[in-house]
């Protein structure tokens, strides 16, 4: 008894492509209509500027993780240096009168 497995991989990407194509077309139409409205071009320019600023901010935020790692490493090194110096201070006692 042989069981054959049929997959519908050829049908699904086609429907996904149709959906994505329709969505892209609708988005383009919407942007074109917005641009034709009074002040629409200003709104689109503002949205594009906002997108650029958000992208820049995201890049900066990703850099924070690296900086936090560097700070943690420096804090460990500082703690190790403080531990190394602590016994030396304990050995020098003030003479009691």
C-alpha atoms as a PDB file:
ATOM      1  CA  UNK A   1       0.000   0.000   0.000  1.00  0.00           C
ATOM      2  CA  UNK A   2       1.547   3.249  -1.134  1.00  0.00           C
ATOM      3  CA  UNK A   3       0.391   6.546   0.246  1.00  0.00           C
ATOM      4  CA  UNK A   4       0.998   9.524  -1.967  1.00  0.00           C
ATOM      5  CA  UNK A   5       1.106  12.932  -0.398  1.00  0.00           C
ATOM      6  CA  UNK A   6      -0.192  15.779  -2.447  1.00  0.00           C
ATOM      7  CA  UNK A   7       0.756  19.294  -1.613  1.00  0.00           C
ATOM      8  CA  UNK A   8      -0.818  22.436  -2.805  1.00  0.00           C
ATOM      9  CA  UNK A   9       2.387  24.453  -2.905  1.00  0.00           C
ATOM     10  CA  UNK A  10       1.699  25.653  -6.425  1.00  0.00           C
ATOM     11  CA  UNK A  11      -1.711  27.046  -5.512  1.00  0.00           C
ATOM     12  CA  UNK A  12      -0.825  28.862  -2.296  1.00  0.00           C
ATOM     13  CA  UNK A  13       1.946  31.127  -3.610  1.00  0.00           C
ATOM     14  CA  UNK A  14      -0.302  32.126  -6.496  1.00  0.00           C
ATOM     15  CA  UNK A  15      -3.051  33.212  -4.123  1.00  0.00           C
ATOM     16  CA  UNK A  16      -0.495  34.975  -1.908  1.00  0.00           C
ATOM     17  CA  UNK A  17       0.909  36.741  -4.928  1.00  0.00           C
ATOM     18  CA  UNK A  18      -2.540  37.823  -5.994  1.00  0.00           C
ATOM     19  CA  UNK A  19      -3.265  39.142  -2.516  1.00  0.00           C
ATOM     20  CA  UNK A  20       0.040  40.998  -2.264  1.00  0.00           C
ATOM     21  CA  UNK A  21      -0.389  42.424  -5.759  1.00  0.00           C
ATOM     22  CA  UNK A  22      -3.897  43.608  -4.968  1.00  0.00           C
ATOM     23  CA  UNK A  23      -2.736  45.115  -1.690  1.00  0.00           C
ATOM     24  CA  UNK A  24       0.153  46.918  -3.401  1.00  0.00           C
ATOM     25  CA  UNK A  25      -2.146  48.261  -6.096  1.00  0.00           C
ATOM     26  CA  UNK A  26      -4.631  49.489  -3.508  1.00  0.00           C
ATOM     27  CA  UNK A  27      -1.834  51.180  -1.582  1.00  0.00           C
ATOM     28  CA  UNK A  28      -0.525  52.897  -4.688  1.00  0.00           C
ATOM     29  CA  UNK A  29      -4.006  54.102  -5.568  1.00  0.00           C
ATOM     30  CA  UNK A  30      -4.532  55.425  -2.039  1.00  0.00           C
ATOM     31  CA  UNK A  31      -1.208  57.291  -2.085  1.00  0.00           C
ATOM     32  CA  UNK A  32      -2.027  58.795  -5.465  1.00  0.00           C
ATOM     33  CA  UNK A  33      -5.417  59.992  -4.201  1.00  0.00           C
ATOM     34  CA  UNK A  34      -3.833  61.504  -1.094  1.00  0.00           C
ATOM     35  CA  UNK A  35      -1.256  63.323  -3.230  1.00  0.00           C
ATOM     36  CA  UNK A  36      -4.052  64.820  -5.355  1.00  0.00           C
ATOM     37  CA  UNK A  37      -5.842  66.291  -2.324  1.00  0.00           C
ATOM     38  CA  UNK A  38      -5.120  69.858  -1.244  1.00  0.00           C
ATOM     39  CA  UNK A  39      -2.178  69.597   1.138  1.00  0.00           C
ATOM     40  CA  UNK A  40      -1.839  65.920   0.356  1.00  0.00           C
ATOM     41  CA  UNK A  41       1.671  66.267  -0.998  1.00  0.00           C
ATOM     42  CA  UNK A  42       2.717  67.949   2.250  1.00  0.00           C
ATOM     43  CA  UNK A  43       1.183  65.079   4.210  1.00  0.00           C
ATOM     44  CA  UNK A  44       3.044  62.490   2.133  1.00  0.00           C
ATOM     45  CA  UNK A  45       6.299  64.397   2.551  1.00  0.00           C
ATOM     46  CA  UNK A  46       5.753  64.541   6.301  1.00  0.00           C
ATOM     47  CA  UNK A  47       5.056  60.802   6.433  1.00  0.00           C
ATOM     48  CA  UNK A  48       8.219  60.044   4.465  1.00  0.00           C
ATOM     49  CA  UNK A  49      10.244  62.304   6.771  1.00  0.00           C
ATOM     50  CA  UNK A  50       8.719  60.572   9.771  1.00  0.00           C
ATOM     51  CA  UNK A  51       9.650  57.178   8.327  1.00  0.00           C
ATOM     52  CA  UNK A  52      13.233  58.343   7.845  1.00  0.00           C
ATOM     53  CA  UNK A  53      13.416  59.649  11.403  1.00  0.00           C
ATOM     54  CA  UNK A  54      11.990  56.433  12.826  1.00  0.00           C
ATOM     55  CA  UNK A  55      14.560  54.421  10.843  1.00  0.00           C
ATOM     56  CA  UNK A  56      17.375  56.587  12.219  1.00  0.00           C
ATOM     57  CA  UNK A  57      16.022  56.230  15.740  1.00  0.00           C
ATOM     58  CA  UNK A  58      15.808  52.447  15.355  1.00  0.00           C
ATOM     59  CA  UNK A  59      19.474  52.336  14.300  1.00  0.00           C
ATOM     60  CA  UNK A  60      20.464  54.342  17.368  1.00  0.00           C
ATOM     61  CA  UNK A  61      18.423  52.141  19.692  1.00  0.00           C
ATOM     62  CA  UNK A  62      20.082  49.010  18.292  1.00  0.00           C
ATOM     63  CA  UNK A  63      23.437  50.580  19.176  1.00  0.00           C
ATOM     64  CA  UNK A  64      22.385  50.917  22.812  1.00  0.00           C
ATOM     65  CA  UNK A  65      22.637  47.150  23.348  1.00  0.00           C
ATOM     66  CA  UNK A  66      26.299  47.210  22.358  1.00  0.00           C
ATOM     67  CA  UNK A  67      26.965  50.153  24.663  1.00  0.00           C
ATOM     68  CA  UNK A  68      25.228  48.419  27.575  1.00  0.00           C
ATOM     69  CA  UNK A  69      27.470  45.407  27.062  1.00  0.00           C
ATOM     70  CA  UNK A  70      30.562  47.587  27.093  1.00  0.00           C
ATOM     71  CA  UNK A  71      29.404  49.374  30.257  1.00  0.00           C
ATOM     72  CA  UNK A  72      28.728  46.039  31.994  1.00  0.00           C
ATOM     73  CA  UNK A  73      32.223  44.847  31.086  1.00  0.00           C
ATOM     74  CA  UNK A  74      33.784  48.044  32.439  1.00  0.00           C
ATOM     75  CA  UNK A  75      31.752  47.771  35.641  1.00  0.00           C
ATOM     76  CA  UNK A  76      33.064  44.234  36.188  1.00  0.00           C
ATOM     77  CA  UNK A  77      36.634  45.388  35.589  1.00  0.00           C
ATOM     78  CA  UNK A  78      36.148  48.275  38.029  1.00  0.00           C
ATOM     79  CA  UNK A  79      34.715  45.953  40.662  1.00  0.00           C
ATOM     80  CA  UNK A  80      37.702  43.637  40.238  1.00  0.00           C
ATOM     81  CA  UNK A  81      40.097  46.558  40.654  1.00  0.00           C
ATOM     82  CA  UNK A  82      38.279  47.723  43.786  1.00  0.00           C
ATOM     83  CA  UNK A  83      38.499  44.213  45.278  1.00  0.00           C
ATOM     84  CA  UNK A  84      42.222  44.127  44.569  1.00  0.00           C
ATOM     85  CA  UNK A  85      42.776  47.449  46.353  1.00  0.00           C
ATOM     86  CA  UNK A  86      40.543  46.714  49.378  1.00  0.00           C
ATOM     87  CA  UNK A  87      42.978  44.364  51.230  1.00  0.00           C
ATOM     88  CA  UNK A  88      45.772  46.917  50.914  1.00  0.00           C
ATOM     89  CA  UNK A  89      43.673  49.501  52.721  1.00  0.00           C
ATOM     90  CA  UNK A  90      42.806  47.054  55.468  1.00  0.00           C
ATOM     91  CA  UNK A  91      46.477  46.394  56.260  1.00  0.00           C
ATOM     92  CA  UNK A  92      47.305  50.022  57.008  1.00  0.00           C
ATOM     93  CA  UNK A  93      45.733  50.638  60.373  1.00  0.00           C
ATOM     94  CA  UNK A  94      45.947  53.774  62.406  1.00  0.00           C
ATOM     95  CA  UNK A  95      47.979  53.335  65.562  1.00  0.00           C
ATOM     96  CA  UNK A  96      45.961  53.492  68.747  1.00  0.00           C
ATOM     97  CA  UNK A  97      47.217  55.812  71.446  1.00  0.00           C
END
